[in-house]
Amino acid sequence: MNTKPDLPADAAPRSHNREAAISTDLIEFRMAWWFKLYVFGVSTMCLLTGCEPQQEKSKYWCQKAIRVSCNGKRIKIS
């Protein structure tokens, strides 16, 4: 009994050589030199006064301090 499916005479077994798509994008995150000092200062003042920092101001300075680039082109963080 033949268990292989019947193939036409001109059909040869095909190998499936698929090339994997490799992404070569470079995403780079950098932090301004003063950002650690800013966070330390805000944290210290929060501990001393017992107050919470203003989120709008903190977000503004975080966006200024953290820089993102993709393949050398700057991306704005929103």
C-alpha atoms as a PDB file:
ATOM      1  CA  MET A   1       0.000   0.000   0.000  1.00  0.00           C
ATOM      2  CA  ASN A   2       1.368   3.417  -0.990  1.00  0.00           C
ATOM      3  CA  THR A   3       1.084   5.986   1.830  1.00  0.00           C
ATOM      4  CA  LYS A   4       2.737   8.899  -0.019  1.00  0.00           C
ATOM      5  CA  PRO A   5       0.445  11.262  -1.912  1.00  0.00           C
ATOM      6  CA  ASP A   6       0.616  11.039  -5.674  1.00  0.00           C
ATOM      7  CA  LEU A   7       2.649  13.912  -7.113  1.00  0.00           C
ATOM      8  CA  PRO A   8       2.815  14.914 -10.750  1.00  0.00           C
ATOM      9  CA  ALA A   9       5.920  13.718 -12.550  1.00  0.00           C
ATOM     10  CA  ASP A  10       7.361  17.215 -12.926  1.00  0.00           C
ATOM     11  CA  ALA A  11       6.856  18.154  -9.254  1.00  0.00           C
ATOM     12  CA  ALA A  12      10.065  17.888  -7.298  1.00  0.00           C
ATOM     13  CA  PRO A  13      10.208  18.195  -3.543  1.00  0.00           C
ATOM     14  CA  ARG A  14      10.779  21.816  -2.639  1.00  0.00           C
ATOM     15  CA  SER A  15      12.914  22.964   0.217  1.00  0.00           C
ATOM     16  CA  HIS A  16      11.574  25.912   2.128  1.00  0.00           C
ATOM     17  CA  ASN A  17      14.569  28.205   2.494  1.00  0.00           C
ATOM     18  CA  ARG A  18      13.121  31.295   4.040  1.00  0.00           C
ATOM     19  CA  GLU A  19      15.406  34.124   4.945  1.00  0.00           C
ATOM     20  CA  ALA A  20      14.658  35.705   8.274  1.00  0.00           C
ATOM     21  CA  ALA A  21      14.085  39.438   8.190  1.00  0.00           C
ATOM     22  CA  ILE A  22      16.525  41.059  10.567  1.00  0.00           C
ATOM     23  CA  SER A  23      15.861  44.576  11.786  1.00  0.00           C
ATOM     24  CA  THR A  24      18.938  46.745  12.133  1.00  0.00           C
ATOM     25  CA  ASP A  25      17.284  49.743  13.776  1.00  0.00           C
ATOM     26  CA  LEU A  26      19.174  51.330  16.657  1.00  0.00           C
ATOM     27  CA  ILE A  27      17.139  52.943  19.423  1.00  0.00           C
ATOM     28  CA  GLU A  28      19.183  54.956  21.890  1.00  0.00           C
ATOM     29  CA  PHE A  29      18.093  56.463  25.214  1.00  0.00           C
ATOM     30  CA  ARG A  30      20.254  59.125  26.821  1.00  0.00           C
ATOM     31  CA  MET A  31      19.823  61.037  30.030  1.00  0.00           C
ATOM     32  CA  ALA A  32      21.006  64.592  30.675  1.00  0.00           C
ATOM     33  CA  TRP A  33      23.865  64.917  33.150  1.00  0.00           C
ATOM     34  CA  TRP A  34      21.748  66.995  35.545  1.00  0.00           C
ATOM     35  CA  PHE A  35      18.736  64.670  35.706  1.00  0.00           C
ATOM     36  CA  LYS A  36      19.978  62.588  38.645  1.00  0.00           C
ATOM     37  CA  LEU A  37      20.646  65.789  40.596  1.00  0.00           C
ATOM     38  CA  TYR A  38      17.137  67.041  39.784  1.00  0.00           C
ATOM     39  CA  VAL A  39      15.509  63.803  40.968  1.00  0.00           C
ATOM     40  CA  PHE A  40      17.655  63.818  44.116  1.00  0.00           C
ATOM     41  CA  GLY A  41      16.655  67.426  44.869  1.00  0.00           C
ATOM     42  CA  VAL A  42      12.945  66.808  44.312  1.00  0.00           C
ATOM     43  CA  SER A  43      13.051  63.628  46.411  1.00  0.00           C
ATOM     44  CA  THR A  44      14.891  65.390  49.232  1.00  0.00           C
ATOM     45  CA  MET A  45      12.413  68.268  49.306  1.00  0.00           C
ATOM     46  CA  CYS A  46       9.495  65.813  49.315  1.00  0.00           C
ATOM     47  CA  LEU A  47      10.965  63.991  52.303  1.00  0.00           C
ATOM     48  CA  LEU A  48      11.711  67.207  54.215  1.00  0.00           C
ATOM     49  CA  THR A  49       8.372  68.923  53.603  1.00  0.00           C
ATOM     50  CA  GLY A  50       6.041  65.920  53.276  1.00  0.00           C
ATOM     51  CA  CYS A  51       4.584  67.376  50.070  1.00  0.00           C
ATOM     52  CA  GLU A  52       4.115  65.758  46.677  1.00  0.00           C
ATOM     53  CA  PRO A  53       5.852  67.173  43.590  1.00  0.00           C
ATOM     54  CA  GLN A  54       3.735  68.845  40.910  1.00  0.00           C
ATOM     55  CA  GLN A  55       3.243  66.274  38.164  1.00  0.00           C
ATOM     56  CA  GLU A  56       3.141  68.798  35.308  1.00  0.00           C
ATOM     57  CA  LYS A  57       6.484  70.303  36.255  1.00  0.00           C
ATOM     58  CA  SER A  58       8.097  66.909  36.830  1.00  0.00           C
ATOM     59  CA  LYS A  59       6.848  65.635  33.471  1.00  0.00           C
ATOM     60  CA  TYR A  60       8.183  68.729  31.719  1.00  0.00           C
ATOM     61  CA  TRP A  61      11.688  68.287  33.157  1.00  0.00           C
ATOM     62  CA  CYS A  62      11.696  64.524  32.527  1.00  0.00           C
ATOM     63  CA  GLN A  63      10.840  65.131  28.868  1.00  0.00           C
ATOM     64  CA  LYS A  64      13.683  67.647  28.636  1.00  0.00           C
ATOM     65  CA  ALA A  65      16.197  65.328  30.303  1.00  0.00           C
ATOM     66  CA  ILE A  66      15.493  62.017  28.543  1.00  0.00           C
ATOM     67  CA  ARG A  67      16.496  61.969  24.888  1.00  0.00           C
ATOM     68  CA  VAL A  68      15.490  59.220  22.478  1.00  0.00           C
ATOM     69  CA  SER A  69      16.891  58.683  19.003  1.00  0.00           C
ATOM     70  CA  CYS A  70      16.191  56.066  16.354  1.00  0.00           C
ATOM     71  CA  ASN A  71      18.982  55.534  13.828  1.00  0.00           C
ATOM     72  CA  GLY A  72      20.478  58.897  14.773  1.00  0.00           C
ATOM     73  CA  LYS A  73      17.242  60.867  14.380  1.00  0.00           C
ATOM     74  CA  ARG A  74      15.815  62.441  17.519  1.00  0.00           C
ATOM     75  CA  ILE A  75      12.340  61.341  18.571  1.00  0.00           C
ATOM     76  CA  LYS A  76      10.202  63.609  20.708  1.00  0.00           C
ATOM     77  CA  ILE A  77       8.641  61.981  23.757  1.00  0.00           C
ATOM     78  CA  SER A  78       5.091  63.118  24.374  1.00  0.00           C
END
